[in-house]
Structures are given as C-alpha cells and as structure tokens.
Amino acid sequence: MHGKALVRALPLLPFMALVAKGQTSTYDGKEYCLTSQCDSAAMNLYDNMAENFQDIDPCENWHEFSCGHYGKRTQEMYPNEDVVKLFDSMQKVNSTAMMKRTIGLTLNDILGGQPGSEMPPPKYSDRFTIDLMRRYYKTCMHDKPPETYQLKPAVRIAEKVHAAFSRYDPPHDEKTMKKKRKSGKGLETTPEPMVNGSLPLDSSDGRIVRNATLAMARHQIWGFAKFAPQQSVFNTSAMAIGVEPYISNGLPRKELYDSESIAYEYKRIISAVLKRAYRSQWRAHHYNDLAEQVFKMERRILDIAPTVQAWQRGKGTTAQMSVDRLSELAPELMIGDVIRDQAGTVSRPSLKNTEVMFPHYWTDLQGIVKTSSKSAVRAYLVWQIFLQTQHLLEHWTVEDYRNILREIDGTKSPSTRNEQCTERATKHFGHVMSSMYAQEFYSKEAETLAESIFQDIKEQYIKLFEETQWMDPKSKERAIEKAKSMDIMAGFSKENPNLRDWSDIKNFYVGALVQPNRNDSLWSHADDYLELEALHTRESWRKEFHRPPNKFKWFKNTFDVDIYYSQELNKLVVPAGILQKPMMDPGMPAYVNYGSLGTIMAQKMAHAFDAQGIKFSSTGKLESWMTKGDLVQFDYRQLCFQEKYNFINVTDVNGEVYNLNGKQVADEVIADTYGHEMAYRAWKTRVNGREENMLRGYHQFTDDQMFWLMRSKQYCSLEQDETLLQELATSPNPPNRIESWAPLTDSLGWRESFGCKPKKKEIVCQLWGNDQHQKTGDKAAAESGKKNETEDKTKSSSKVTEGGPKEKGGPKEKGGAKEKGEEKEKGEEKEKEKVRDKKKIEENKKKEDSKPTKQQDKPAKQQGKPTKEE
C-alpha cells in the first residue's frame, strides 16, 4: 500500500481524543505518549500538516501534505497582531523565526527592557558590565538626536575620507577671498571645484586611498576589501590576516540596477547623501553626475563579483601571499599599507602570511578603480559609509532608502525599535547576554542528548564512506578520519571565554564605554556603536592576532537558533537556543528529536564533505584529501544534482515560471539529501527495531513516517510574494517549497517509508554510498517492463535511473553472485567517463570564480524547456 492509499487506509484519530492519566496509554494495540512535551510536538505537527492530508498523495505533493496548513494555522493562532506584524516586517516566517521571537522576549528581560521585569544579575556576576550593557540598550531605545545631527555620525567618518583627498581641494582664489573676508559673507557658500577630480587614479594616489580606507576600517566599515586576523588555513596552529572582497549591497540584486524606476530613486538618494556629506567640500560639483558615477562603479564591481556558489566555496580559493604581492595585484588600493597600519605603531603585525580569497578578483577590481575618476572613488567611499551605518541614522534619506528595500523584499513595515536595539546589544555585549541566558535556560540534559545524536550521526557518516565503492582507498581513509575527528560544541562556550566565569567575560569589555543618554548635539547612541566597533578592531589586532588560534571560538551566541559547521575547527556548533521545543526535548520520542534537531545537525555536518569540505583536512588545513581521480568522479556525480535542479521550476504570484540554478544550490541540496538520510539511519540504529510511543492523533503513521514529517516542519513557512526572486538570485538554498520535497526524491529512506517509486524518466542522483539507488532503479524498471534506454547510460556514473522500489521496505535482495562481467563493465565505463568529462569538469572549475552567468544574476524565466546553465 503506497502513497495516498496508505494514509487514507486508516481513519484519523481526533487530536487529543485520548484522555488518560500517566505518561503513556494504549489504544488499538499502540502505546501513546501523554506527556506535555509529546502533546506539544503533536500540536506543532498539526499546525503544519494539511487538514485534508488523507486526500493528498505524499509521493506526489509532499510540501502540501506536510506543510499545507502552516499559514492558515499560524494566522488562526495570531489573528490580530503578533504574526501579522511580524510578517509585515519580515520576508519569511517559519518555526525558526517564531523561536527567535520567543527568545527575544527573554532577551528583553536580560536587557532590562521593561521596568520591574529585569532579570536579576547572576550570582558572582560583574554588575558593572551588566549595567554597561543595559545602559547601551536604553540609550539606543531613547536616543532622539536633533534633526541637524541625524547624519552626523556618518559624516564624521566621511570627513576623514575628505581629509585624505584634501590634496585635490585647491587653494581659494585670493582676490575673491579678500572681498569675502572684508564683507564677511559667502565664505561658507562659495563653490570651489576639485582640481583634477575628473582624472583617473594613478599610483601617486595610493596613499590617499590608503588613508581613506584605513579611517573607515578602524570602525569596521569597508571600502573595497575586508580584512581581519583569522586562524590560518595553511597552518592551523598560527594566526594570519584574512583578506576578502567587500561587495557593496546597496541594491540586493544586480538586475535591480537595470530597473529605471529603482535606479532613478537610488541615484536620487546617493546625490542627496553626497550633498549632505560634502557641505564644506566639492560644493560646485554636480551631485547628480557624481551619483551617476557611484552608481556605475557599484554596477561594474558587481559584474566581477564572485558568484553565490563561489562564496560558498570561498575559503577553498584562498591563496597565501606576502602583503607586497597583494599590493601588486591592486596597487592603487594599497591594501598592504592599510593592514600594516591597522594595529597602530605599537604592535605591527607580521605580513608574511596574508591569506587572500579570490586572487583573480583583485586584478579585475584594479582595472575598475584605475579607470574611475578621483572624485568617483571618493564619492564611492562616502556612499559606502552611509550604506554601512544607515541602520544607526535617522534622516529622510535613510527612510527613502529603506523604502526602496521594502519595495524590493515585500516587507510592509520596518523592524521595531526594540528589535533594532536588541540586535545592536547582541553584537557588542553578546557574551554578557549569552551568560545570563545560559544561567536561566541552559539544560545539561538537552546538551547531553544533542551530543548523543551527534555521535550517532557521525557513526553513520563513517559507515557511508565505508560503503562508497567509487572512492580510492586513500580518499576513503581520509574521509573517515575527518568524520572521526569531527567534534561538537553544544550549549554555550565553555572555554576562551568560559561563559560561567565572569572574570573571563569581564576581560572582553575592558575599555568599553557608553555615554549617558542626553539630548544634545555632541553625542548619540550611534557614536557609542561606532566607538565599540573601533574598540573591537583595536583589541582584535593588538591581542587576538598575536595569540595562538582560539580552537573553541564561537561565531554564534548561546541564545541563537542557528547551527553551523566550522571548516577551520572541524566542529559542529549547537547553541542552547535551539535545544528546546519545538525543535527537541529529552521527553519526546526519538523520531521527533532525530527528525527535527538531528536532520539539521546532520545537514550541517555534511558540509565537511561537500565541494569546499573536501579541500579541508581533519585539522582544518586547506589541503585536499581526495585523489585526483576521485575529484573527477566527485565533480561528475555532483553534476547530476546540478542538472536535476536546473529542471525544477517555481511559479510566482503573477504566474511567471522560473528555473532554479542547479549550480548555485547543489552544495545545499546534497547536504540536505545526505544529512537527512544520515539522521534517519542514526535514528533507526538507535531504536534498533523498537517501536516508539506514538503522538496523540497520529496513529495511522509509522514511526518511520513520523520521522520524515518531523524533518519537513522546518520548511513550512509564510513568505512575502517578492521573496521568491530574492532567493532564486542570491540564496544557496532552494526556496522552502522546493527544499521541503526535492532532496527527498534522492533519499532511499523516505521512498521506502512512504512507498514512493521514482517517476518515469525521473533522475535519481547519488554521490556517496553503495549505489543502492542504481540497484533499486534497475529492479523497478525491470519489473515494470521499463528498461533503461541506451542513451541514459551517459549519466550512469551519477546513478541517474528510472523506476524505484517495488514495495514498502525496499527491494528484495538479488540472489546469487553478481552477473558475469558486471565489475569489468563498471570499471571500463568509469574510465570512459573520466576521459569524456575531464574537459567539462575543468571548465566548470575555472568558471567558479569568474563572472556570474545571466542565470545567476537573475532567475531565468522558463521559455518552453527549462533553462540550463551554460
């Protein structure tokens, strides 16, 4: 019994129909969990699944089956205010967003947002640091600078850029100036042209650009490059200087620069900001012309910017070079001199180990900067200051700019002042907030369960590589070694810093100052923000750079709900914020915890073995652990996923059909496919055939099916209509409506759980494992009389097959030995594929850091056949 027939076979047990005392109850021969944790999980699933799921075939429409009720139920739960307001200010609302919202209420108590509801300082905590944090938050909430001051924090930094270019501000005409001094009029309004401002930059201007970008970088505001101390990817026991492109995101997508209406409004705002920032300089310059030059410069830089996929694999492109060599790539930018002076004269860093991402990009950037006028470069830098500080400013230009962004992303209202101030406090006082959150909400039991799930999943990855037949023994050994070496940091940071040790926390805030709130024109919360950024920069260069790498460094806070994998540390980081309902709870059945939390953990772990992960060793060193022959095989098998997703399309609210960019989403969908499969195997191994207690209302589903339903709830969401185009152009993930079902089509576990066969001509891809898909497809095709055609053999190395499992529980085992000649045929076929596809793979690699294709810049509308990437 498969698909729709399976779920309609049994009547739906009304939710909460069972009433019994105790932890479990028996109904129709099945044990049901009656704890509050289980009821919460059941209700959460009820909020997601379609009300008429019995009438929907999960094999045909999994997203509707598993998520069809999400939007309706969410609106029912919050009919008047909460979710409506939340949705108006956000592009997407899902379970993660709702968890963040709940945690936000706790953070409000930590920050002292409401009088009388302040969370008491933990025992033995540092009261001064906590008071400093709360003062920072309150000055943000109540700061109302006068109108004349609203752009001043940004202008102060812009004035340093002006000072760097001052050599091009000409002396005043003495005859004219004498007249004005005598009359006392016109001294502030006399236009003065910029000498040679229209000429391109040359090598003699390098120090000017250096002074300007250095002034910006001290506040973590970037011009053309972003740089900071980091653990070396070539020597993991040493620190290095990481350099990467800084790509302006004035408009979120490149094709928006081609929209006449958006471009007109955008240039109008640029012109107004430049006029405000240049009050005493360039007064005669035509600001509209200057804005046009900035606009074109931004657009030209986007043309050479790395693609979305290239950014995903950016660390793998890193080249080690001296700072002098870096300066040779882009002499006008003088990035080397900026780095030399970043830490000041007291503690200059060694510059022998600069590590640069996308080396070829800098030569292209040099060509743009060198052919741009001096005035355009200065204006571009001033505009970057505005873009990177606009969230701190209150001015009509800021509001007009935000209106453009809201028109693009579909949000109807800005985030609240409390949300903005909480975000700023989190950035600068994250350790304090994390410690106080852990003090109240950290659960050792939840952390232990997360660590147990991690170990179970890790064992499955080891088995997966042991099963993989196409890998060379050396590659296989290194993959297994990396999996075995992977570690987890869960809950909160326990070393460097230990968030339970307030003396450790206090050290991070030595020198931090927050001015008391006052309504004058001398200081504002924005100035506090920028000064704390400058303090962080100084401490990073003066201390962190000269110490051994921090092998326990967290890039998330304790209360975050985002799990991430660190290539440099080979560690999975799981914050305490996600170790709670609805994502997991020690009191819930294992299929809930492994299906919800476990699938996310396993998906992140899969990045240790993706196109970037195979370039990093088990110790985090940039060192490929695959043999050359296996790299060709890896690329070809990955190509199956790329081509498959090129043929998947989505439709927007206007009925326009767009194709996915398979190359852009390949890494994430492969991580989804194998991550979720490994979590499933880990759960199956853990329960070892034991039936678990059911959730009330879901007796018609098997435990296996409940696992996959729990897996899919993370993809249930409400989205703004405009979100789709943004995701297609800029996100490495497919839209949720695709990601909820598409990776499952390559999952043997899901197919067997619901009895879903591959459709006729459906591509089934396989990267790792024992090629079970190929066996399954062959058997299903043979039994249905649909043999694979000869032309389909071109995809055989990727296991592109037709057909699927004959029945629930998977295909029957073939009896006897393998067919005669099968091994030899596979070996010959593999060698032919390597030769045939070698050139194609090499060409794809060369394009990785090159200009984005048209499809990557803008989602391709479907014209008859789906558009493939060239």
Foldseek 3Di string as FASTA:
>chain_A
DFFLCLLLVDDFFPFPPDDDDDQWDDDPRFIFGDDPLLSQLVVLQVLAAAPVLSRGGCLVAVRNGQGVNNVVSVCVVVVPDDVVQVFLADFWDAPQNVLVVVVLVVLCLQLVVDPPSHDDADPPFDVVLSVQLNLLLVLLLPFDEDQVQQCVVLLVLLVQLCVLVVVQQDDDDVVVVVVCVVVVPDPQQDAGAGHQQQPADDLVSQVSLLRSQLSQVLLPQGFFKHKFKDQAQADNFAIAIEIETDQDPLDPFLCLCVDPVLVVLSLVLLLVLVCSSQSRHNNVDDSSVLSVLLSVLNNQLQQWFFFLLCVVQFVLQKDWAFLVVVCVLAVSNSVSVSQQPNLHDPDGDHRRGYIYTLSVSSNSNNVSRRRGGNSNSSSNSSVSSCSVLLLVGDHVSSVSSVVSVCVQSVRNDHDDSSVSSSVLSCVLQLLSSLLSCCVPQPDPVLQVVLQVLLVLLLVLQLVQLVFFDPADPQLSVQSNVLSVLEEEAEAAQCVCPHSPDNVSSVVSCVPQDDDRNDHDSPDGSSVSSSVSSSVVSNCSSVPVNPHTHDLRDDPDGLLRQAWAADLQNSYIYGHSNNSDPPQDDPSHDPLLNLLRVVLRRLLRNCLCPFPNNQQAGSNSHRHHSGDPLVVLLLLLLLVLQQVQQLQDWDAFPVRFIFGARSSLQSSNLVSNLVSNLSSLVSSCVVCVPPADHHRRRPPSAGSLVSSLSSNLSSLRMDRRRSNQFSCRQNNNHHRSSCSSPVSCQQHQSNCLRRVHKFAAQRFHFDNTRNLLFLVFQQVQCVVVVNHDDPVVVLSVSRSTGHIGAPGRPGHDDDDDDDDPCPVVVVVVSSVVNCVVCVVVSVVVVVCSSGGDDPCNSGGDTDDPGRDYDD
